[in-house]
Amino acid sequence: MYHEDHHLIQYSIVIPFHNEEESLRELYKRLCDVMDNYSEPVEFIFVDDHSSDKTLKILTELASIDSRVVVISLKRNYGQTGALAAGFDYAAGDIIISMDGDLQHDPAEIPKMLEVFEETGCDIVSGWRKQRVDNFLLRRIPSRAANWAMSKLSGVAIHDFGTTFKVYRKDTIKQIKLYGELHRFIPALASWNGATVVEVPIHNIERPTGRSHYGLSRTIRVFFDLITIRFLLQYVTRPMHFFGPMGLLSMVSGSAIMLWMIVKKIILGTDLFEVHGPLILLGSLLLLAGIQFICAGLIGELVTRTYFESQGKPIYSIAKIITGKDALQKKL
């Protein structure tokens, strides 16, 4: 699976692509301009998340002219988390850098992030889009609210969980098992394992071409991810501490209602179903349905996490891996 001298790599740059034919040549050029200033070996791991345009073709061409380029083509569209997981699993560099492929992340920021990484000795340097350029109502306000909630629930004091632009220590990112859409919670998951996280302001560049793959609907998904991450960080090893209080509260409330009904029936002779029936039935159904739905979702997340970690099974399936040598032979 590994190309020649794969174990000697110092920097691995992991970038997921999905229909980015208009931006990837320029991104590659900017990456080369930056990384050519470093004497240590570097590899560019470009993950094609089953693009429907010419993305894979262009990536293959880049691999044919640059032996540092490795293209991982996924069999279907797995989303950003799956694509990043594929890149992280393949990466051999002691320092792993991830970023988006749409030019909203400027490669020129990499030296600054690496400098902070070396100076602080931290495990993760996370980019912070301090001055965002996207829509204020549709993107910035929901993003600020989500990031505030993530910071409070996870206990990691950073401002921007959503950006992919990060620098990782190899051992740190290799320990994290990704699935679903948990890539935005990597700092929280890593912090739970004892990793240190430092945040660095970065320029947020307006997307030069095309349109963003994300919309307002992502905020809803983030809300459910928040519930998941809170559960995983706080109760994954002691789920009864989470479910126990809810169950106890439910039992006490139910018992109190039943006792009250019995007292009214015996002492006052009240016809409970005629006076309180609809309200009691509605409240009971709503309470039980809410508890069942939330618990079912959380238990499902726990089962999924257990499955992937115990089986050692990745959440993606690779169609092929193209190295510079392979691409050159195909071209000839």
Protein backbone atom coordinates (compact mmCIF):
# COMPACT_ATOMS: atom_id res chain seq x y z
CA MET A 1 0.00 0.00 0.00
CA TYR A 2 2.83 2.40 0.76
CA HIS A 3 5.00 3.98 -1.86
CA GLU A 4 8.77 3.98 -1.78
CA ASP A 5 10.34 5.83 1.18
CA HIS A 6 6.86 6.33 2.61
CA HIS A 7 8.20 5.92 6.14
CA LEU A 8 10.66 8.82 5.66
CA ILE A 9 7.98 11.46 5.13
CA GLN A 10 8.03 14.46 7.48
CA TYR A 11 4.91 16.31 6.27
CA SER A 12 1.69 14.77 4.97
CA ILE A 13 -0.86 17.16 3.51
CA VAL A 14 -4.30 15.58 3.37
CA ILE A 15 -6.94 17.23 1.18
CA PRO A 16 -10.38 15.79 0.34
CA PHE A 17 -11.84 16.74 -3.05
CA HIS A 18 -15.36 16.49 -4.37
CA ASN A 19 -16.03 18.15 -7.73
CA GLU A 20 -13.21 20.70 -7.40
CA GLU A 21 -11.86 20.63 -10.96
CA GLU A 22 -11.83 24.43 -11.15
CA SER A 23 -9.67 25.01 -8.10
CA LEU A 24 -7.33 22.06 -7.62
CA ARG A 25 -4.61 23.05 -10.14
CA GLU A 26 -4.24 26.44 -8.49
CA LEU A 27 -4.30 24.85 -5.03
CA TYR A 28 -1.57 22.41 -6.06
CA LYS A 29 0.56 25.28 -7.38
CA ARG A 30 0.20 27.23 -4.13
CA LEU A 31 1.01 24.15 -2.08
CA CYS A 32 4.19 23.58 -4.06
CA ASP A 33 5.19 27.22 -3.65
CA VAL A 34 4.95 26.85 0.11
CA MET A 35 6.27 23.34 0.70
CA ASP A 36 9.21 23.68 -1.70
CA ASN A 37 10.73 25.94 0.95
CA TYR A 38 11.02 23.00 3.34
CA SER A 39 13.92 20.57 3.01
CA GLU A 40 12.10 17.72 4.77
CA PRO A 41 10.22 15.18 2.60
CA VAL A 42 6.54 15.95 1.99
CA GLU A 43 3.67 14.01 0.47
CA PHE A 44 0.41 15.37 -0.93
CA ILE A 45 -2.45 12.97 -0.23
CA PHE A 46 -5.36 13.98 -2.43
CA VAL A 47 -8.56 12.06 -1.70
CA ASP A 48 -11.17 12.06 -4.44
CA ASP A 49 -14.54 11.55 -2.78
CA HIS A 50 -16.11 10.03 -5.90
CA SER A 51 -16.29 13.25 -7.91
CA SER A 52 -18.53 13.40 -10.98
CA ASP A 53 -16.44 16.00 -12.82
CA LYS A 54 -12.80 15.90 -14.00
CA THR A 55 -11.33 16.04 -10.51
CA LEU A 56 -9.92 12.49 -10.54
CA LYS A 57 -8.49 12.94 -14.05
CA ILE A 58 -6.66 16.12 -13.06
CA LEU A 59 -5.39 14.57 -9.84
CA THR A 60 -4.05 11.61 -11.81
CA GLU A 61 -2.22 14.01 -14.12
CA LEU A 62 -0.65 15.74 -11.12
CA ALA A 63 0.49 12.38 -9.75
CA SER A 64 2.14 11.62 -13.11
CA ILE A 65 4.34 14.71 -12.90
CA ASP A 66 5.00 14.81 -9.15
CA SER A 67 6.03 11.71 -7.21
CA ARG A 68 4.99 13.41 -3.99
CA VAL A 69 1.33 13.26 -5.04
CA VAL A 70 -0.73 10.28 -3.94
CA VAL A 71 -4.33 10.08 -5.12
CA ILE A 72 -6.83 8.01 -3.17
CA SER A 73 -10.02 7.40 -5.14
CA LEU A 74 -13.02 6.30 -3.09
CA LYS A 75 -15.64 3.96 -4.53
CA ARG A 76 -18.52 6.20 -3.59
CA ASN A 77 -19.16 9.56 -1.97
CA TYR A 78 -18.48 9.09 1.74
CA GLY A 79 -18.50 12.75 2.75
CA GLN A 80 -15.75 14.84 4.25
CA THR A 81 -15.25 12.73 7.36
CA GLY A 82 -14.78 9.52 5.37
CA ALA A 83 -12.43 11.19 2.90
CA LEU A 84 -10.33 12.68 5.68
CA ALA A 85 -10.21 9.33 7.47
CA ALA A 86 -8.87 7.67 4.32
CA GLY A 87 -6.16 10.31 4.01
CA PHE A 88 -5.20 10.15 7.68
CA ASP A 89 -4.94 6.36 7.57
CA TYR A 90 -2.58 6.48 4.59
CA ALA A 91 -0.49 9.45 5.80
CA ALA A 92 2.98 8.58 7.07
CA GLY A 93 4.30 12.03 7.92
CA ASP A 94 5.26 12.88 11.48
CA ILE A 95 3.23 16.05 10.98
CA ILE A 96 -0.11 15.82 9.19
CA ILE A 97 -1.82 18.89 7.74
CA SER A 98 -5.42 18.87 6.58
CA MET A 99 -7.27 21.51 4.60
CA ASP A 100 -10.14 21.98 2.15
CA GLY A 101 -9.72 21.74 -1.60
CA ASP A 102 -11.79 24.75 -2.64
CA LEU A 103 -9.11 27.45 -2.07
CA GLN A 104 -10.92 28.90 0.95
CA HIS A 105 -7.87 27.81 2.93
CA ASP A 106 -4.71 29.61 1.88
CA PRO A 107 -1.61 27.35 1.83
CA ALA A 108 0.43 30.45 2.66
CA GLU A 109 -0.87 30.07 6.23
CA ILE A 110 0.89 26.72 6.65
CA PRO A 111 4.30 28.14 7.73
CA LYS A 112 2.64 30.21 10.47
CA MET A 113 0.72 27.18 11.75
CA LEU A 114 3.84 25.00 11.67
CA GLU A 115 5.78 27.66 13.56
CA VAL A 116 3.19 27.71 16.34
CA PHE A 117 3.14 23.91 16.30
CA GLU A 118 6.89 23.73 16.89
CA GLU A 119 7.07 26.59 19.40
CA THR A 120 4.24 25.38 21.64
CA GLY A 121 4.90 21.65 21.35
CA CYS A 122 1.14 21.10 21.15
CA ASP A 123 -0.56 18.15 19.49
CA ILE A 124 -2.99 20.09 17.30
CA VAL A 125 -2.92 23.56 15.77
CA SER A 126 -6.43 24.52 14.71
CA GLY A 127 -7.22 27.31 12.28
CA TRP A 128 -9.60 30.05 13.41
CA ARG A 129 -11.53 31.97 10.76
CA LYS A 130 -11.62 35.09 12.91
CA GLN A 131 -12.90 37.34 10.13
CA ARG A 132 -15.39 35.29 8.13
CA VAL A 133 -16.47 36.35 4.66
CA ASP A 134 -19.57 34.19 4.21
CA ASN A 135 -23.21 35.18 4.63
CA PHE A 136 -23.86 36.77 8.03
CA LEU A 137 -27.40 35.49 8.61
CA LEU A 138 -27.21 32.08 6.94
CA ARG A 139 -23.68 31.04 7.91
CA ARG A 140 -21.95 33.23 10.48
CA ILE A 141 -24.65 33.48 13.15
CA PRO A 142 -25.49 29.74 13.12
CA SER A 143 -21.76 28.97 13.06
CA ARG A 144 -21.01 31.16 16.07
CA ALA A 145 -23.86 29.62 18.02
CA ALA A 146 -22.75 26.09 17.12
CA ASN A 147 -19.10 26.79 17.95
CA TRP A 148 -20.06 28.31 21.30
CA ALA A 149 -22.14 25.25 22.14
CA MET A 150 -19.37 22.90 21.01
CA SER A 151 -16.81 24.69 23.16
CA LYS A 152 -19.02 24.56 26.25
CA LEU A 153 -20.11 20.96 25.82
CA SER A 154 -16.70 19.58 24.85
CA GLY A 155 -14.62 21.65 27.26
CA VAL A 156 -12.20 22.66 24.49
CA ALA A 157 -11.80 26.43 24.41
CA ILE A 158 -11.51 27.15 20.69
CA HIS A 159 -13.64 29.40 18.51
CA ASP A 160 -13.82 27.49 15.24
CA PHE A 161 -14.57 23.77 15.24
CA GLY A 162 -15.82 23.76 11.66
CA THR A 163 -12.63 24.48 9.75
CA THR A 164 -10.67 21.55 8.33
CA PHE A 165 -7.44 23.57 8.28
CA LYS A 166 -5.41 21.96 11.05
CA VAL A 167 -1.95 20.62 11.87
CA TYR A 168 -1.75 17.30 13.74
CA ARG A 169 0.91 15.30 15.43
CA LYS A 170 0.87 11.88 13.78
CA ASP A 171 0.27 9.87 16.95
CA THR A 172 -2.61 12.13 17.92
CA ILE A 173 -4.67 11.85 14.75
CA LYS A 174 -3.94 8.15 14.27
CA GLN A 175 -5.61 7.38 17.61
CA ILE A 176 -8.94 8.91 16.59
CA LYS A 177 -11.55 6.80 14.84
CA LEU A 178 -13.76 8.92 12.59
CA TYR A 179 -17.23 8.13 11.33
CA GLY A 180 -20.45 10.00 10.57
CA GLU A 181 -19.59 13.71 10.49
CA LEU A 182 -17.31 13.82 13.50
CA HIS A 183 -14.37 15.45 11.70
CA ARG A 184 -15.34 18.83 13.15
CA PHE A 185 -15.03 17.36 16.66
CA ILE A 186 -11.47 16.06 16.24
CA PRO A 187 -10.04 18.61 18.74
CA ALA A 188 -12.61 17.53 21.33
CA LEU A 189 -12.01 13.81 20.74
CA ALA A 190 -8.24 14.33 20.85
CA SER A 191 -8.48 16.43 23.99
CA TRP A 192 -10.36 13.58 25.68
CA ASN A 193 -7.25 11.47 25.00
CA GLY A 194 -5.02 14.11 26.59
CA ALA A 195 -3.98 16.06 23.49
CA THR A 196 -3.26 19.79 23.68
CA VAL A 197 -4.90 22.14 21.19
CA VAL A 198 -3.74 25.63 20.17
CA GLU A 199 -5.80 27.94 17.95
CA VAL A 200 -4.29 30.24 15.33
CA PRO A 201 -6.19 32.96 13.40
CA ILE A 202 -6.21 32.35 9.64
CA HIS A 203 -7.50 34.30 6.68
CA ASN A 204 -10.90 33.22 5.45
CA ILE A 205 -10.84 33.57 1.67
CA GLU A 206 -14.02 33.80 -0.34
CA ARG A 207 -14.48 30.74 -2.52
CA PRO A 208 -13.05 31.78 -5.93
CA THR A 209 -15.14 29.40 -8.09
CA GLY A 210 -18.16 27.20 -7.79
CA ARG A 211 -20.34 27.18 -4.71
CA SER A 212 -20.09 25.77 -1.22
CA HIS A 213 -21.25 22.22 -0.62
CA TYR A 214 -22.67 23.26 2.74
CA GLY A 215 -25.91 25.02 3.57
CA LEU A 216 -28.02 26.07 6.52
CA SER A 217 -29.25 22.48 6.93
CA ARG A 218 -25.82 21.55 8.28
CA THR A 219 -26.64 23.49 11.46
CA ILE A 220 -29.38 20.98 12.26
CA ARG A 221 -26.99 18.08 11.79
CA VAL A 222 -24.42 19.82 13.98
CA PHE A 223 -27.00 20.03 16.77
CA PHE A 224 -27.42 16.27 16.80
CA ASP A 225 -23.65 15.82 16.54
CA LEU A 226 -23.34 17.98 19.67
CA ILE A 227 -25.54 15.56 21.58
CA THR A 228 -23.44 12.68 20.29
CA ILE A 229 -20.10 14.24 21.14
CA ARG A 230 -21.26 15.19 24.62
CA PHE A 231 -22.30 11.61 25.19
CA LEU A 232 -19.06 10.20 23.78
CA LEU A 233 -16.85 12.54 25.79
CA GLN A 234 -18.64 12.31 29.12
CA TYR A 235 -20.51 9.02 29.30
CA VAL A 236 -19.05 6.57 26.79
CA THR A 237 -17.37 4.59 29.58
CA ARG A 238 -20.23 5.03 32.08
CA PRO A 239 -23.53 5.25 30.18
CA MET A 240 -25.61 4.52 33.28
CA HIS A 241 -24.55 7.90 34.67
CA PHE A 242 -26.36 9.40 31.68
CA PHE A 243 -29.39 7.15 31.42
CA GLY A 244 -29.75 6.55 35.16
CA PRO A 245 -30.88 10.04 36.23
CA MET A 246 -33.39 10.23 33.37
CA GLY A 247 -34.76 6.82 34.24
CA LEU A 248 -34.97 7.68 37.91
CA LEU A 249 -36.71 10.99 37.18
CA SER A 250 -39.16 9.22 34.92
CA MET A 251 -39.90 6.52 37.50
CA VAL A 252 -40.34 9.03 40.33
CA SER A 253 -42.59 11.24 38.21
CA GLY A 254 -44.67 8.29 37.07
CA SER A 255 -44.98 6.95 40.59
CA ALA A 256 -46.03 10.36 41.91
CA ILE A 257 -48.71 10.68 39.24
CA MET A 258 -50.02 7.19 39.91
CA LEU A 259 -50.09 7.81 43.67
CA TRP A 260 -51.92 11.10 43.15
CA MET A 261 -54.47 9.40 40.89
CA ILE A 262 -55.04 6.63 43.44
CA VAL A 263 -55.53 9.15 46.25
CA LYS A 264 -58.03 11.19 44.21
CA LYS A 265 -59.87 8.05 43.17
CA ILE A 266 -60.12 6.56 46.67
CA ILE A 267 -60.63 9.68 48.77
CA LEU A 268 -62.43 12.06 46.39
CA GLY A 269 -64.03 9.52 44.11
CA THR A 270 -62.86 11.45 41.03
CA ASP A 271 -63.37 9.93 37.61
CA LEU A 272 -59.75 10.27 36.51
CA PHE A 273 -60.17 9.31 32.88
CA GLU A 274 -62.95 11.83 32.41
CA VAL A 275 -61.13 14.71 34.14
CA HIS A 276 -57.43 14.04 33.54
CA GLY A 277 -57.31 11.23 31.00
CA PRO A 278 -56.31 13.11 27.80
CA LEU A 279 -53.69 15.26 29.54
CA ILE A 280 -52.11 12.33 31.39
CA LEU A 281 -52.09 10.22 28.23
CA LEU A 282 -50.55 13.00 26.13
CA GLY A 283 -47.89 13.83 28.72
CA SER A 284 -46.97 10.18 29.21
CA LEU A 285 -46.69 9.54 25.48
CA LEU A 286 -44.59 12.63 24.86
CA LEU A 287 -42.28 11.86 27.77
CA LEU A 288 -41.81 8.23 26.80
CA ALA A 289 -41.40 9.01 23.11
CA GLY A 290 -38.80 11.70 23.83
CA ILE A 291 -36.76 9.44 26.11
CA GLN A 292 -36.99 6.55 23.67
CA PHE A 293 -35.92 8.56 20.67
CA ILE A 294 -32.98 10.23 22.39
CA CYS A 295 -31.79 7.03 24.01
CA ALA A 296 -32.17 5.09 20.79
CA GLY A 297 -30.04 7.65 18.98
CA LEU A 298 -27.33 7.70 21.61
CA ILE A 299 -27.24 3.94 21.96
CA GLY A 300 -27.01 3.70 18.19
CA GLU A 301 -24.00 6.00 18.22
CA LEU A 302 -22.38 3.92 20.93
CA VAL A 303 -23.00 0.70 19.03
CA THR A 304 -21.58 2.23 15.85
CA ARG A 305 -18.44 3.42 17.62
CA THR A 306 -17.98 0.03 19.28
CA TYR A 307 -18.42 -1.74 15.97
CA PHE A 308 -15.82 0.27 14.08
CA GLU A 309 -13.22 0.22 16.86
CA SER A 310 -13.61 -3.44 17.77
CA GLN A 311 -13.64 -4.62 14.16
CA GLY A 312 -10.85 -2.31 13.07
CA LYS A 313 -12.90 -1.74 9.95
CA PRO A 314 -12.54 1.60 8.11
CA ILE A 315 -15.60 3.67 7.19
CA TYR A 316 -14.52 3.95 3.57
CA SER A 317 -13.67 1.69 0.66
CA ILE A 318 -10.79 2.57 -1.66
CA ALA A 319 -11.19 1.94 -5.38
CA LYS A 320 -7.51 2.51 -6.15
CA ILE A 321 -4.41 4.36 -5.03
CA ILE A 322 -2.47 6.20 -7.71
CA THR A 323 1.18 7.06 -7.16
CA GLY A 324 3.41 9.07 -9.44
CA LYS A 325 4.94 5.92 -10.94
CA ASP A 326 1.55 4.40 -11.74
CA ALA A 327 0.23 7.59 -13.29
CA LEU A 328 3.37 8.00 -15.42
CA GLN A 329 3.09 4.44 -16.78
CA LYS A 330 -0.55 5.02 -17.63
CA LYS A 331 0.34 8.24 -19.45
CA LEU A 332 3.04 6.50 -21.49
